[in-house]
Amino acid sequence: MSGDTTGQPQDDCLFCKIVAGEIPATLVRETETTVAFRDINPQAPTHVLVIPKAHHKDAAALAAADPALTADVLRETAAVAEQEQLESYRTVFNTGAGAGQTVWHAHAHVIGGRGLQWPPG
């Protein structure tokens, strides 16, 4: 797992490779600071990941290092939901292995298009 939170790309990071265009992804939106793309293992009809282009290992590290970029990511989750015409949706940041984080680059899941139960799994 990559623990770097400096914002620099990591050679072993799947999402850094997507940002660099080295690995293909189905892009939904892109801004100067973020990229949004469809999850390859969707958990709902709409499942989009919004990531900062800068590498931070998880949401906590991102928030501590760059509050403005954290806000950009959150704004983009709303923009994705609007673009995807979701009336309601869930935004999820998994932080740490125990919470289900499997890619060590901060990312928000935008999940919708079906009824979502509470509490989540």
PDB file of N, CA and C in Angstrom:
ATOM      1  N   MET A   1       0.840  -1.165   0.000  1.00  0.00           N
ATOM      2  CA  MET A   1       0.000   0.000   0.000  1.00  0.00           C
ATOM      3  C   MET A   1       0.887   1.230   0.000  1.00  0.00           C
ATOM      4  N   SER A   2       0.526   2.179  -0.820  1.00  0.00           N
ATOM      5  CA  SER A   2       1.299   3.411  -0.908  1.00  0.00           C
ATOM      6  C   SER A   2       0.850   4.363   0.181  1.00  0.00           C
ATOM      7  N   GLY A   3       1.779   4.826   0.997  1.00  0.00           N
ATOM      8  CA  GLY A   3       1.429   5.707   2.093  1.00  0.00           C
ATOM      9  C   GLY A   3       1.747   7.160   1.822  1.00  0.00           C
ATOM     10  N   ASP A   4       2.254   7.489   0.664  1.00  0.00           N
ATOM     11  CA  ASP A   4       2.655   8.854   0.343  1.00  0.00           C
ATOM     12  C   ASP A   4       1.449   9.777   0.313  1.00  0.00           C
ATOM     13  N   THR A   5       1.576  10.930   0.954  1.00  0.00           N
ATOM     14  CA  THR A   5       0.493  11.912   0.931  1.00  0.00           C
ATOM     15  C   THR A   5       0.998  13.254   0.432  1.00  0.00           C
ATOM     16  N   THR A   6       2.069  13.247  -0.325  1.00  0.00           N
ATOM     17  CA  THR A   6       2.661  14.502  -0.784  1.00  0.00           C
ATOM     18  C   THR A   6       1.961  15.083  -1.999  1.00  0.00           C
ATOM     19  N   GLY A   7       1.060  14.339  -2.588  1.00  0.00           N
ATOM     20  CA  GLY A   7       0.411  14.799  -3.807  1.00  0.00           C
ATOM     21  C   GLY A   7       1.141  14.387  -5.068  1.00  0.00           C
ATOM     22  N   GLN A   8       2.286  13.743  -4.931  1.00  0.00           N
ATOM     23  CA  GLN A   8       3.071  13.311  -6.089  1.00  0.00           C
ATOM     24  C   GLN A   8       2.594  11.950  -6.583  1.00  0.00           C
ATOM     25  N   PRO A   9       2.589  11.732  -7.904  1.00  0.00           N
ATOM     26  CA  PRO A   9       2.174  10.429  -8.433  1.00  0.00           C
ATOM     27  C   PRO A   9       3.033   9.301  -7.870  1.00  0.00           C
ATOM     28  N   GLN A  10       2.392   8.155  -7.668  1.00  0.00           N
ATOM     29  CA  GLN A  10       3.069   6.968  -7.148  1.00  0.00           C
ATOM     30  C   GLN A  10       3.118   5.915  -8.243  1.00  0.00           C
ATOM     31  N   ASP A  11       4.294   5.334  -8.456  1.00  0.00           N
ATOM     32  CA  ASP A  11       4.478   4.344  -9.521  1.00  0.00           C
ATOM     33  C   ASP A  11       3.579   3.128  -9.361  1.00  0.00           C
ATOM     34  N   ASP A  12       3.257   2.757  -8.119  1.00  0.00           N
ATOM     35  CA  ASP A  12       2.486   1.540  -7.863  1.00  0.00           C
ATOM     36  C   ASP A  12       0.993   1.808  -7.670  1.00  0.00           C
ATOM     37  N   CYS A  13       0.517   3.002  -8.017  1.00  0.00           N
ATOM     38  CA  CYS A  13      -0.874   3.384  -7.755  1.00  0.00           C
ATOM     39  C   CYS A  13      -1.727   3.290  -9.020  1.00  0.00           C
ATOM     40  N   LEU A  14      -2.740   2.432  -8.969  1.00  0.00           N
ATOM     41  CA  LEU A  14      -3.658   2.255 -10.090  1.00  0.00           C
ATOM     42  C   LEU A  14      -4.291   3.574 -10.510  1.00  0.00           C
ATOM     43  N   PHE A  15      -4.761   4.368  -9.553  1.00  0.00           N
ATOM     44  CA  PHE A  15      -5.449   5.607  -9.898  1.00  0.00           C
ATOM     45  C   PHE A  15      -4.486   6.670 -10.431  1.00  0.00           C
ATOM     46  N   CYS A  16      -3.265   6.696  -9.960  1.00  0.00           N
ATOM     47  CA  CYS A  16      -2.267   7.604 -10.551  1.00  0.00           C
ATOM     48  C   CYS A  16      -2.038   7.244 -12.012  1.00  0.00           C
ATOM     49  N   LYS A  17      -2.054   5.944 -12.321  1.00  0.00           N
ATOM     50  CA  LYS A  17      -1.876   5.494 -13.705  1.00  0.00           C
ATOM     51  C   LYS A  17      -3.076   5.879 -14.567  1.00  0.00           C
ATOM     52  N   ILE A  18      -4.276   5.869 -13.990  1.00  0.00           N
ATOM     53  CA  ILE A  18      -5.460   6.337 -14.729  1.00  0.00           C
ATOM     54  C   ILE A  18      -5.341   7.820 -15.000  1.00  0.00           C
ATOM     55  N   VAL A  19      -4.950   8.605 -14.001  1.00  0.00           N
ATOM     56  CA  VAL A  19      -4.767  10.052 -14.170  1.00  0.00           C
ATOM     57  C   VAL A  19      -3.755  10.325 -15.282  1.00  0.00           C
ATOM     58  N   ALA A  20      -2.682   9.539 -15.327  1.00  0.00           N
ATOM     59  CA  ALA A  20      -1.624   9.731 -16.327  1.00  0.00           C
ATOM     60  C   ALA A  20      -2.007   9.212 -17.708  1.00  0.00           C
ATOM     61  N   GLY A  21      -3.132   8.521 -17.813  1.00  0.00           N
ATOM     62  CA  GLY A  21      -3.553   7.967 -19.096  1.00  0.00           C
ATOM     63  C   GLY A  21      -2.867   6.659 -19.442  1.00  0.00           C
ATOM     64  N   GLU A  22      -2.172   6.050 -18.474  1.00  0.00           N
ATOM     65  CA  GLU A  22      -1.473   4.794 -18.709  1.00  0.00           C
ATOM     66  C   GLU A  22      -2.393   3.582 -18.648  1.00  0.00           C
ATOM     67  N   ILE A  23      -3.509   3.722 -17.942  1.00  0.00           N
ATOM     68  CA  ILE A  23      -4.513   2.669 -17.833  1.00  0.00           C
ATOM     69  C   ILE A  23      -5.840   3.289 -18.261  1.00  0.00           C
ATOM     70  N   PRO A  24      -6.571   2.622 -19.154  1.00  0.00           N
ATOM     71  CA  PRO A  24      -7.834   3.200 -19.618  1.00  0.00           C
ATOM     72  C   PRO A  24      -8.919   3.150 -18.544  1.00  0.00           C
ATOM     73  N   ALA A  25      -9.813   4.103 -18.612  1.00  0.00           N
ATOM     74  CA  ALA A  25     -10.981   4.161 -17.738  1.00  0.00           C
ATOM     75  C   ALA A  25     -12.091   4.848 -18.520  1.00  0.00           C
ATOM     76  N   THR A  26     -13.318   4.573 -18.155  1.00  0.00           N
ATOM     77  CA  THR A  26     -14.458   5.222 -18.787  1.00  0.00           C
ATOM     78  C   THR A  26     -14.715   6.533 -18.056  1.00  0.00           C
ATOM     79  N   LEU A  27     -14.164   7.611 -18.605  1.00  0.00           N
ATOM     80  CA  LEU A  27     -14.260   8.916 -17.950  1.00  0.00           C
ATOM     81  C   LEU A  27     -15.681   9.453 -18.035  1.00  0.00           C
ATOM     82  N   VAL A  28     -16.106  10.079 -16.934  1.00  0.00           N
ATOM     83  CA  VAL A  28     -17.411  10.710 -16.840  1.00  0.00           C
ATOM     84  C   VAL A  28     -17.249  12.222 -16.825  1.00  0.00           C
ATOM     85  N   ARG A  29     -16.267  12.689 -16.091  1.00  0.00           N
ATOM     86  CA  ARG A  29     -15.960  14.119 -15.983  1.00  0.00           C
ATOM     87  C   ARG A  29     -14.471  14.271 -15.681  1.00  0.00           C
ATOM     88  N   GLU A  30     -13.967  15.443 -16.006  1.00  0.00           N
ATOM     89  CA  GLU A  30     -12.589  15.780 -15.634  1.00  0.00           C
ATOM     90  C   GLU A  30     -12.515  17.280 -15.428  1.00  0.00           C
ATOM     91  N   THR A  31     -11.830  17.672 -14.357  1.00  0.00           N
ATOM     92  CA  THR A  31     -11.562  19.081 -14.095  1.00  0.00           C
ATOM     93  C   THR A  31     -10.054  19.246 -14.006  1.00  0.00           C
ATOM     94  N   GLU A  32      -9.629  20.434 -13.688  1.00  0.00           N
ATOM     95  CA  GLU A  32      -8.203  20.693 -13.513  1.00  0.00           C
ATOM     96  C   GLU A  32      -7.610  19.853 -12.380  1.00  0.00           C
ATOM     97  N   THR A  33      -8.429  19.550 -11.365  1.00  0.00           N
ATOM     98  CA  THR A  33      -7.912  18.885 -10.168  1.00  0.00           C
ATOM     99  C   THR A  33      -8.466  17.489  -9.915  1.00  0.00           C
ATOM    100  N   THR A  34      -9.496  17.076 -10.675  1.00  0.00           N
ATOM    101  CA  THR A  34     -10.153  15.793 -10.407  1.00  0.00           C
ATOM    102  C   THR A  34     -10.438  15.025 -11.692  1.00  0.00           C
ATOM    103  N   VAL A  35     -10.663  13.729 -11.519  1.00  0.00           N
ATOM    104  CA  VAL A  35     -11.117  12.859 -12.600  1.00  0.00           C
ATOM    105  C   VAL A  35     -12.236  11.998 -12.026  1.00  0.00           C
ATOM    106  N   ALA A  36     -13.292  11.807 -12.818  1.00  0.00           N
ATOM    107  CA  ALA A  36     -14.388  10.921 -12.432  1.00  0.00           C
ATOM    108  C   ALA A  36     -14.542   9.860 -13.511  1.00  0.00           C
ATOM    109  N   PHE A  37     -14.650   8.604 -13.083  1.00  0.00           N
ATOM    110  CA  PHE A  37     -14.766   7.499 -14.031  1.00  0.00           C
ATOM    111  C   PHE A  37     -15.619   6.388 -13.443  1.00  0.00           C
ATOM    112  N   ARG A  38     -16.164   5.565 -14.310  1.00  0.00           N
ATOM    113  CA  ARG A  38     -17.046   4.477 -13.889  1.00  0.00           C
ATOM    114  C   ARG A  38     -16.256   3.388 -13.161  1.00  0.00           C
ATOM    115  N   ASP A  39     -16.829   2.889 -12.072  1.00  0.00           N
ATOM    116  CA  ASP A  39     -16.226   1.800 -11.309  1.00  0.00           C
ATOM    117  C   ASP A  39     -16.270   0.527 -12.142  1.00  0.00           C
ATOM    118  N   ILE A  40     -15.198  -0.245 -12.138  1.00  0.00           N
ATOM    119  CA  ILE A  40     -15.169  -1.481 -12.938  1.00  0.00           C
ATOM    120  C   ILE A  40     -15.959  -2.612 -12.277  1.00  0.00           C
ATOM    121  N   ASN A  41     -16.352  -2.425 -11.016  1.00  0.00           N
ATOM    122  CA  ASN A  41     -17.165  -3.409 -10.295  1.00  0.00           C
ATOM    123  C   ASN A  41     -18.351  -2.683  -9.658  1.00  0.00           C
ATOM    124  N   PRO A  42     -19.279  -2.205 -10.493  1.00  0.00           N
ATOM    125  CA  PRO A  42     -20.348  -1.348  -9.968  1.00  0.00           C
ATOM    126  C   PRO A  42     -21.257  -2.065  -8.976  1.00  0.00           C
ATOM    127  N   GLN A  43     -21.633  -1.341  -7.931  1.00  0.00           N
ATOM    128  CA  GLN A  43     -22.515  -1.856  -6.899  1.00  0.00           C
ATOM    129  C   GLN A  43     -23.948  -1.348  -7.056  1.00  0.00           C
ATOM    130  N   ALA A  44     -24.184  -0.552  -8.089  1.00  0.00           N
ATOM    131  CA  ALA A  44     -25.500   0.006  -8.396  1.00  0.00           C
ATOM    132  C   ALA A  44     -25.491   0.403  -9.867  1.00  0.00           C
ATOM    133  N   PRO A  45     -26.661   0.716 -10.432  1.00  0.00           N
ATOM    134  CA  PRO A  45     -26.688   1.129 -11.839  1.00  0.00           C
ATOM    135  C   PRO A  45     -25.743   2.295 -12.149  1.00  0.00           C
ATOM    136  N   THR A  46     -25.626   3.228 -11.225  1.00  0.00           N
ATOM    137  CA  THR A  46     -24.625   4.288 -11.360  1.00  0.00           C
ATOM    138  C   THR A  46     -23.617   4.122 -10.241  1.00  0.00           C
ATOM    139  N   HIS A  47     -22.358   3.950 -10.609  1.00  0.00           N
ATOM    140  CA  HIS A  47     -21.264   3.843  -9.627  1.00  0.00           C
ATOM    141  C   HIS A  47     -20.030   4.481 -10.263  1.00  0.00           C
ATOM    142  N   VAL A  48     -19.763   5.705  -9.846  1.00  0.00           N
ATOM    143  CA  VAL A  48     -18.677   6.503 -10.408  1.00  0.00           C
ATOM    144  C   VAL A  48     -17.701   6.838  -9.285  1.00  0.00           C
ATOM    145  N   LEU A  49     -16.419   6.782  -9.583  1.00  0.00           N
ATOM    146  CA  LEU A  49     -15.382   7.190  -8.637  1.00  0.00           C
ATOM    147  C   LEU A  49     -14.913   8.588  -9.002  1.00  0.00           C
ATOM    148  N   VAL A  50     -14.776   9.422  -7.994  1.00  0.00           N
ATOM    149  CA  VAL A  50     -14.221  10.765  -8.176  1.00  0.00           C
ATOM    150  C   VAL A  50     -12.921  10.804  -7.389  1.00  0.00           C
ATOM    151  N   ILE A  51     -11.824  11.114  -8.086  1.00  0.00           N
ATOM    152  CA  ILE A  51     -10.511  11.106  -7.440  1.00  0.00           C
ATOM    153  C   ILE A  51      -9.812  12.442  -7.659  1.00  0.00           C
ATOM    154  N   PRO A  52      -8.972  12.830  -6.698  1.00  0.00           N
ATOM    155  CA  PRO A  52      -8.103  13.963  -6.968  1.00  0.00           C
ATOM    156  C   PRO A  52      -6.990  13.505  -7.902  1.00  0.00           C
ATOM    157  N   LYS A  53      -6.538  14.383  -8.773  1.00  0.00           N
ATOM    158  CA  LYS A  53      -5.408  14.028  -9.640  1.00  0.00           C
ATOM    159  C   LYS A  53      -4.136  13.859  -8.814  1.00  0.00           C
ATOM    160  N   ALA A  54      -4.010  14.618  -7.750  1.00  0.00           N
ATOM    161  CA  ALA A  54      -2.853  14.486  -6.858  1.00  0.00           C
ATOM    162  C   ALA A  54      -3.049  13.264  -5.966  1.00  0.00           C
ATOM    163  N   HIS A  55      -1.967  12.548  -5.712  1.00  0.00           N
ATOM    164  CA  HIS A  55      -2.034  11.341  -4.896  1.00  0.00           C
ATOM    165  C   HIS A  55      -2.044  11.675  -3.406  1.00  0.00           C
ATOM    166  N   HIS A  56      -3.061  11.172  -2.733  1.00  0.00           N
ATOM    167  CA  HIS A  56      -3.147  11.165  -1.271  1.00  0.00           C
ATOM    168  C   HIS A  56      -3.736   9.809  -0.919  1.00  0.00           C
ATOM    169  N   LYS A  57      -3.201   9.157   0.093  1.00  0.00           N
ATOM    170  CA  LYS A  57      -3.524   7.743   0.323  1.00  0.00           C
ATOM    171  C   LYS A  57      -4.979   7.474   0.674  1.00  0.00           C
ATOM    172  N   ASP A  58      -5.654   8.411   1.308  1.00  0.00           N
ATOM    173  CA  ASP A  58      -7.052   8.202   1.669  1.00  0.00           C
ATOM    174  C   ASP A  58      -7.702   9.551   1.960  1.00  0.00           C
ATOM    175  N   ALA A  59      -8.991   9.527   2.282  1.00  0.00           N
ATOM    176  CA  ALA A  59      -9.732  10.765   2.496  1.00  0.00           C
ATOM    177  C   ALA A  59      -9.175  11.566   3.665  1.00  0.00           C
ATOM    178  N   ALA A  60      -8.759  10.891   4.724  1.00  0.00           N
ATOM    179  CA  ALA A  60      -8.215  11.601   5.889  1.00  0.00           C
ATOM    180  C   ALA A  60      -6.919  12.323   5.534  1.00  0.00           C
ATOM    181  N   ALA A  61      -6.046  11.645   4.792  1.00  0.00           N
ATOM    182  CA  ALA A  61      -4.785  12.269   4.379  1.00  0.00           C
ATOM    183  C   ALA A  61      -5.039  13.434   3.428  1.00  0.00           C
ATOM    184  N   LEU A  62      -6.001  13.263   2.523  1.00  0.00           N
ATOM    185  CA  LEU A  62      -6.349  14.338   1.599  1.00  0.00           C
ATOM    186  C   LEU A  62      -6.863  15.549   2.360  1.00  0.00           C
ATOM    187  N   ALA A  63      -7.777  15.344   3.283  1.00  0.00           N
ATOM    188  CA  ALA A  63      -8.348  16.454   4.051  1.00  0.00           C
ATOM    189  C   ALA A  63      -7.286  17.181   4.863  1.00  0.00           C
ATOM    190  N   ALA A  64      -6.354  16.435   5.436  1.00  0.00           N
ATOM    191  CA  ALA A  64      -5.295  17.052   6.235  1.00  0.00           C
ATOM    192  C   ALA A  64      -4.316  17.838   5.373  1.00  0.00           C
ATOM    193  N   ALA A  65      -4.031  17.331   4.181  1.00  0.00           N
ATOM    194  CA  ALA A  65      -3.012  17.941   3.325  1.00  0.00           C
ATOM    195  C   ALA A  65      -3.546  19.081   2.470  1.00  0.00           C
ATOM    196  N   ASP A  66      -4.810  18.987   2.037  1.00  0.00           N
ATOM    197  CA  ASP A  66      -5.300  19.943   1.048  1.00  0.00           C
ATOM    198  C   ASP A  66      -6.821  20.114   1.142  1.00  0.00           C
ATOM    199  N   PRO A  67      -7.283  20.943   2.063  1.00  0.00           N
ATOM    200  CA  PRO A  67      -8.731  21.144   2.215  1.00  0.00           C
ATOM    201  C   PRO A  67      -9.413  21.657   0.944  1.00  0.00           C
ATOM    202  N   ALA A  68      -8.746  22.480   0.162  1.00  0.00           N
ATOM    203  CA  ALA A  68      -9.356  22.998  -1.072  1.00  0.00           C
ATOM    204  C   ALA A  68      -9.567  21.869  -2.081  1.00  0.00           C
ATOM    205  N   LEU A  69      -8.604  20.967  -2.199  1.00  0.00           N
ATOM    206  CA  LEU A  69      -8.748  19.831  -3.104  1.00  0.00           C
ATOM    207  C   LEU A  69      -9.828  18.880  -2.596  1.00  0.00           C
ATOM    208  N   THR A  70      -9.920  18.722  -1.291  1.00  0.00           N
ATOM    209  CA  THR A  70     -10.986  17.911  -0.705  1.00  0.00           C
ATOM    210  C   THR A  70     -12.342  18.472  -1.110  1.00  0.00           C
ATOM    211  N   ALA A  71     -12.486  19.790  -1.049  1.00  0.00           N
ATOM    212  CA  ALA A  71     -13.735  20.437  -1.456  1.00  0.00           C
ATOM    213  C   ALA A  71     -13.996  20.228  -2.948  1.00  0.00           C
ATOM    214  N   ASP A  72     -12.944  20.278  -3.772  1.00  0.00           N
ATOM    215  CA  ASP A  72     -13.102  20.020  -5.212  1.00  0.00           C
ATOM    216  C   ASP A  72     -13.679  18.626  -5.448  1.00  0.00           C
ATOM    217  N   VAL A  73     -13.145  17.635  -4.753  1.00  0.00           N
ATOM    218  CA  VAL A  73     -13.625  16.262  -4.911  1.00  0.00           C
ATOM    219  C   VAL A  73     -15.094  16.180  -4.514  1.00  0.00           C
ATOM    220  N   LEU A  74     -15.445  16.776  -3.398  1.00  0.00           N
ATOM    221  CA  LEU A  74     -16.831  16.726  -2.942  1.00  0.00           C
ATOM    222  C   LEU A  74     -17.764  17.459  -3.901  1.00  0.00           C
ATOM    223  N   ARG A  75     -17.333  18.610  -4.407  1.00  0.00           N
ATOM    224  CA  ARG A  75     -18.143  19.328  -5.410  1.00  0.00           C
ATOM    225  C   ARG A  75     -18.356  18.477  -6.650  1.00  0.00           C
ATOM    226  N   GLU A  76     -17.331  17.769  -7.058  1.00  0.00           N
ATOM    227  CA  GLU A  76     -17.450  16.919  -8.247  1.00  0.00           C
ATOM    228  C   GLU A  76     -18.389  15.738  -8.024  1.00  0.00           C
ATOM    229  N   THR A  77     -18.501  15.243  -6.796  1.00  0.00           N
ATOM    230  CA  THR A  77     -19.477  14.173  -6.557  1.00  0.00           C
ATOM    231  C   THR A  77     -20.879  14.689  -6.851  1.00  0.00           C
ATOM    232  N   ALA A  78     -21.173  15.909  -6.449  1.00  0.00           N
ATOM    233  CA  ALA A  78     -22.491  16.497  -6.738  1.00  0.00           C
ATOM    234  C   ALA A  78     -22.664  16.733  -8.232  1.00  0.00           C
ATOM    235  N   ALA A  79     -21.617  17.177  -8.914  1.00  0.00           N
ATOM    236  CA  ALA A  79     -21.689  17.411 -10.360  1.00  0.00           C
ATOM    237  C   ALA A  79     -21.928  16.107 -11.112  1.00  0.00           C
ATOM    238  N   VAL A  80     -21.282  15.033 -10.670  1.00  0.00           N
ATOM    239  CA  VAL A  80     -21.496  13.722 -11.286  1.00  0.00           C
ATOM    240  C   VAL A  80     -22.944  13.295 -11.083  1.00  0.00           C
ATOM    241  N   ALA A  81     -23.451  13.425  -9.870  1.00  0.00           N
ATOM    242  CA  ALA A  81     -24.834  13.031  -9.596  1.00  0.00           C
ATOM    243  C   ALA A  81     -25.811  13.810 -10.464  1.00  0.00           C
ATOM    244  N   GLU A  82     -25.562  15.106 -10.624  1.00  0.00           N
ATOM    245  CA  GLU A  82     -26.432  15.915 -11.478  1.00  0.00           C
ATOM    246  C   GLU A  82     -26.328  15.458 -12.939  1.00  0.00           C
ATOM    247  N   GLN A  83     -25.107  15.274 -13.410  1.00  0.00           N
ATOM    248  CA  GLN A  83     -24.897  14.840 -14.794  1.00  0.00           C
ATOM    249  C   GLN A  83     -25.555  13.488 -15.056  1.00  0.00           C
ATOM    250  N   GLU A  84     -25.487  12.595 -14.081  1.00  0.00           N
ATOM    251  CA  GLU A  84     -26.058  11.254 -14.216  1.00  0.00           C
ATOM    252  C   GLU A  84     -27.565  11.251 -13.922  1.00  0.00           C
ATOM    253  N   GLN A  85     -28.114  12.410 -13.617  1.00  0.00           N
ATOM    254  CA  GLN A  85     -29.542  12.596 -13.352  1.00  0.00           C
ATOM    255  C   GLN A  85     -30.031  11.734 -12.184  1.00  0.00           C
ATOM    256  N   LEU A  86     -29.229  11.718 -11.123  1.00  0.00           N
ATOM    257  CA  LEU A  86     -29.606  10.980  -9.931  1.00  0.00           C
ATOM    258  C   LEU A  86     -30.418  11.883  -9.012  1.00  0.00           C
ATOM    259  N   GLU A  87     -31.635  11.467  -8.676  1.00  0.00           N
ATOM    260  CA  GLU A  87     -32.449  12.230  -7.731  1.00  0.00           C
ATOM    261  C   GLU A  87     -31.891  12.093  -6.323  1.00  0.00           C
ATOM    262  N   SER A  88     -31.433  10.893  -6.009  1.00  0.00           N
ATOM    263  CA  SER A  88     -30.790  10.645  -4.723  1.00  0.00           C
ATOM    264  C   SER A  88     -29.598   9.730  -4.976  1.00  0.00           C
ATOM    265  N   TYR A  89     -28.628   9.844  -4.127  1.00  0.00           N
ATOM    266  CA  TYR A  89     -27.395   9.083  -4.308  1.00  0.00           C
ATOM    267  C   TYR A  89     -26.638   9.043  -2.994  1.00  0.00           C
ATOM    268  N   ARG A  90     -25.644   8.200  -2.964  1.00  0.00           N
ATOM    269  CA  ARG A  90     -24.783   8.094  -1.787  1.00  0.00           C
ATOM    270  C   ARG A  90     -23.363   8.442  -2.202  1.00  0.00           C
ATOM    271  N   THR A  91     -22.685   9.211  -1.368  1.00  0.00           N
ATOM    272  CA  THR A  91     -21.261   9.508  -1.541  1.00  0.00           C
ATOM    273  C   THR A  91     -20.520   8.785  -0.426  1.00  0.00           C
ATOM    274  N   VAL A  92     -19.549   7.952  -0.805  1.00  0.00           N
ATOM    275  CA  VAL A  92     -18.835   7.130   0.167  1.00  0.00           C
ATOM    276  C   VAL A  92     -17.329   7.320  -0.003  1.00  0.00           C
ATOM    277  N   PHE A  93     -16.644   7.564   1.107  1.00  0.00           N
ATOM    278  CA  PHE A  93     -15.185   7.544   1.165  1.00  0.00           C
ATOM    279  C   PHE A  93     -14.804   6.385   2.082  1.00  0.00           C
ATOM    280  N   ASN A  94     -14.227   5.322   1.538  1.00  0.00           N
ATOM    281  CA  ASN A  94     -13.714   4.242   2.376  1.00  0.00           C
ATOM    282  C   ASN A  94     -12.298   4.627   2.787  1.00  0.00           C
ATOM    283  N   THR A  95     -12.067   4.662   4.087  1.00  0.00           N
ATOM    284  CA  THR A  95     -10.757   5.071   4.591  1.00  0.00           C
ATOM    285  C   THR A  95     -10.190   3.948   5.449  1.00  0.00           C
ATOM    286  N   GLY A  96      -9.222   3.230   4.904  1.00  0.00           N
ATOM    287  CA  GLY A  96      -8.590   2.124   5.606  1.00  0.00           C
ATOM    288  C   GLY A  96      -9.125   0.780   5.157  1.00  0.00           C
ATOM    289  N   ALA A  97      -8.297  -0.231   5.320  1.00  0.00           N
ATOM    290  CA  ALA A  97      -8.647  -1.579   4.872  1.00  0.00           C
ATOM    291  C   ALA A  97      -9.901  -2.097   5.561  1.00  0.00           C
ATOM    292  N   GLY A  98     -10.076  -1.806   6.835  1.00  0.00           N
ATOM    293  CA  GLY A  98     -11.236  -2.276   7.571  1.00  0.00           C
ATOM    294  C   GLY A  98     -12.545  -1.693   7.072  1.00  0.00           C
ATOM    295  N   ALA A  99     -12.464  -0.568   6.379  1.00  0.00           N
ATOM    296  CA  ALA A  99     -13.654   0.065   5.805  1.00  0.00           C
ATOM    297  C   ALA A  99     -13.861  -0.342   4.354  1.00  0.00           C
ATOM    298  N   GLY A 100     -12.965  -1.167   3.816  1.00  0.00           N
ATOM    299  CA  GLY A 100     -13.116  -1.648   2.447  1.00  0.00           C
ATOM    300  C   GLY A 100     -12.261  -0.927   1.423  1.00  0.00           C
ATOM    301  N   GLN A 101     -11.356  -0.045   1.857  1.00  0.00           N
ATOM    302  CA  GLN A 101     -10.492   0.622   0.883  1.00  0.00           C
ATOM    303  C   GLN A 101      -9.518  -0.395   0.311  1.00  0.00           C
ATOM    304  N   THR A 102      -9.470  -0.479  -1.028  1.00  0.00           N
ATOM    305  CA  THR A 102      -8.566  -1.422  -1.690  1.00  0.00           C
ATOM    306  C   THR A 102      -7.568  -0.729  -2.601  1.00  0.00           C
ATOM    307  N   VAL A 103      -7.848   0.501  -2.991  1.00  0.00           N
ATOM    308  CA  VAL A 103      -6.899   1.293  -3.771  1.00  0.00           C
ATOM    309  C   VAL A 103      -6.473   2.453  -2.885  1.00  0.00           C
ATOM    310  N   TRP A 104      -5.174   2.574  -2.669  1.00  0.00           N
ATOM    311  CA  TRP A 104      -4.635   3.541  -1.708  1.00  0.00           C
ATOM    312  C   TRP A 104      -4.369   4.883  -2.377  1.00  0.00           C
ATOM    313  N   HIS A 105      -5.437   5.463  -2.907  1.00  0.00           N
ATOM    314  CA  HIS A 105      -5.482   6.809  -3.495  1.00  0.00           C
ATOM    315  C   HIS A 105      -6.873   7.305  -3.134  1.00  0.00           C
ATOM    316  N   ALA A 106      -6.960   8.439  -2.464  1.00  0.00           N
ATOM    317  CA  ALA A 106      -8.259   8.954  -2.012  1.00  0.00           C
ATOM    318  C   ALA A 106      -9.266   8.945  -3.152  1.00  0.00           C
ATOM    319  N   HIS A 107     -10.482   8.502  -2.859  1.00  0.00           N
ATOM    320  CA  HIS A 107     -11.530   8.499  -3.869  1.00  0.00           C
ATOM    321  C   HIS A 107     -12.901   8.446  -3.219  1.00  0.00           C
ATOM    322  N   ALA A 108     -13.842   9.090  -3.880  1.00  0.00           N
ATOM    323  CA  ALA A 108     -15.232   9.081  -3.442  1.00  0.00           C
ATOM    324  C   ALA A 108     -16.031   8.242  -4.418  1.00  0.00           C
ATOM    325  N   HIS A 109     -16.901   7.410  -3.890  1.00  0.00           N
ATOM    326  CA  HIS A 109     -17.837   6.641  -4.700  1.00  0.00           C
ATOM    327  C   HIS A 109     -19.137   7.430  -4.781  1.00  0.00           C
ATOM    328  N   VAL A 110     -19.672   7.593  -5.978  1.00  0.00           N
ATOM    329  CA  VAL A 110     -21.001   8.156  -6.174  1.00  0.00           C
ATOM    330  C   VAL A 110     -21.870   6.989  -6.630  1.00  0.00           C
ATOM    331  N   ILE A 111     -22.822   6.606  -5.771  1.00  0.00           N
ATOM    332  CA  ILE A 111     -23.607   5.402  -5.997  1.00  0.00           C
ATOM    333  C   ILE A 111     -25.090   5.773  -6.023  1.00  0.00           C
ATOM    334  N   GLY A 112     -25.785   5.341  -7.066  1.00  0.00           N
ATOM    335  CA  GLY A 112     -27.216   5.618  -7.150  1.00  0.00           C
ATOM    336  C   GLY A 112     -27.877   4.840  -8.265  1.00  0.00           C
ATOM    337  N   GLY A 113     -29.111   5.218  -8.541  1.00  0.00           N
ATOM    338  CA  GLY A 113     -29.856   4.556  -9.601  1.00  0.00           C
ATOM    339  C   GLY A 113     -30.694   3.388  -9.113  1.00  0.00           C
ATOM    340  N   ARG A 114     -30.702   3.141  -7.814  1.00  0.00           N
ATOM    341  CA  ARG A 114     -31.546   2.131  -7.184  1.00  0.00           C
ATOM    342  C   ARG A 114     -31.721   2.541  -5.720  1.00  0.00           C
ATOM    343  N   GLY A 115     -32.677   1.915  -5.051  1.00  0.00           N
ATOM    344  CA  GLY A 115     -32.830   2.173  -3.632  1.00  0.00           C
ATOM    345  C   GLY A 115     -31.616   1.696  -2.868  1.00  0.00           C
ATOM    346  N   LEU A 116     -31.158   2.480  -1.911  1.00  0.00           N
ATOM    347  CA  LEU A 116     -29.994   2.124  -1.091  1.00  0.00           C
ATOM    348  C   LEU A 116     -30.456   1.943   0.359  1.00  0.00           C
ATOM    349  N   GLN A 117     -30.045   0.883   0.963  1.00  0.00           N
ATOM    350  CA  GLN A 117     -30.454   0.559   2.322  1.00  0.00           C
ATOM    351  C   GLN A 117     -29.507   1.178   3.342  1.00  0.00           C
ATOM    352  N   TRP A 118     -29.999   1.339   4.567  1.00  0.00           N
ATOM    353  CA  TRP A 118     -29.169   1.811   5.668  1.00  0.00           C
ATOM    354  C   TRP A 118     -29.391   0.873   6.840  1.00  0.00           C
ATOM    355  N   PRO A 119     -28.391   0.447   7.539  1.00  0.00           N
ATOM    356  CA  PRO A 119     -26.990   0.787   7.319  1.00  0.00           C
ATOM    357  C   PRO A 119     -26.396  -0.007   6.164  1.00  0.00           C
ATOM    358  N   PRO A 120     -25.345   0.561   5.539  1.00  0.00           N
ATOM    359  CA  PRO A 120     -24.676  -0.174   4.464  1.00  0.00           C
ATOM    360  C   PRO A 120     -23.925  -1.373   5.040  1.00  0.00           C
ATOM    361  N   GLY A 121     -23.610  -2.336   4.156  1.00  0.00           N
ATOM    362  CA  GLY A 121     -22.927  -3.577   4.531  1.00  0.00           C
ATOM    363  C   GLY A 121     -21.732  -3.369   5.320  1.00  0.00           C
TER     364      GLY A 121
END
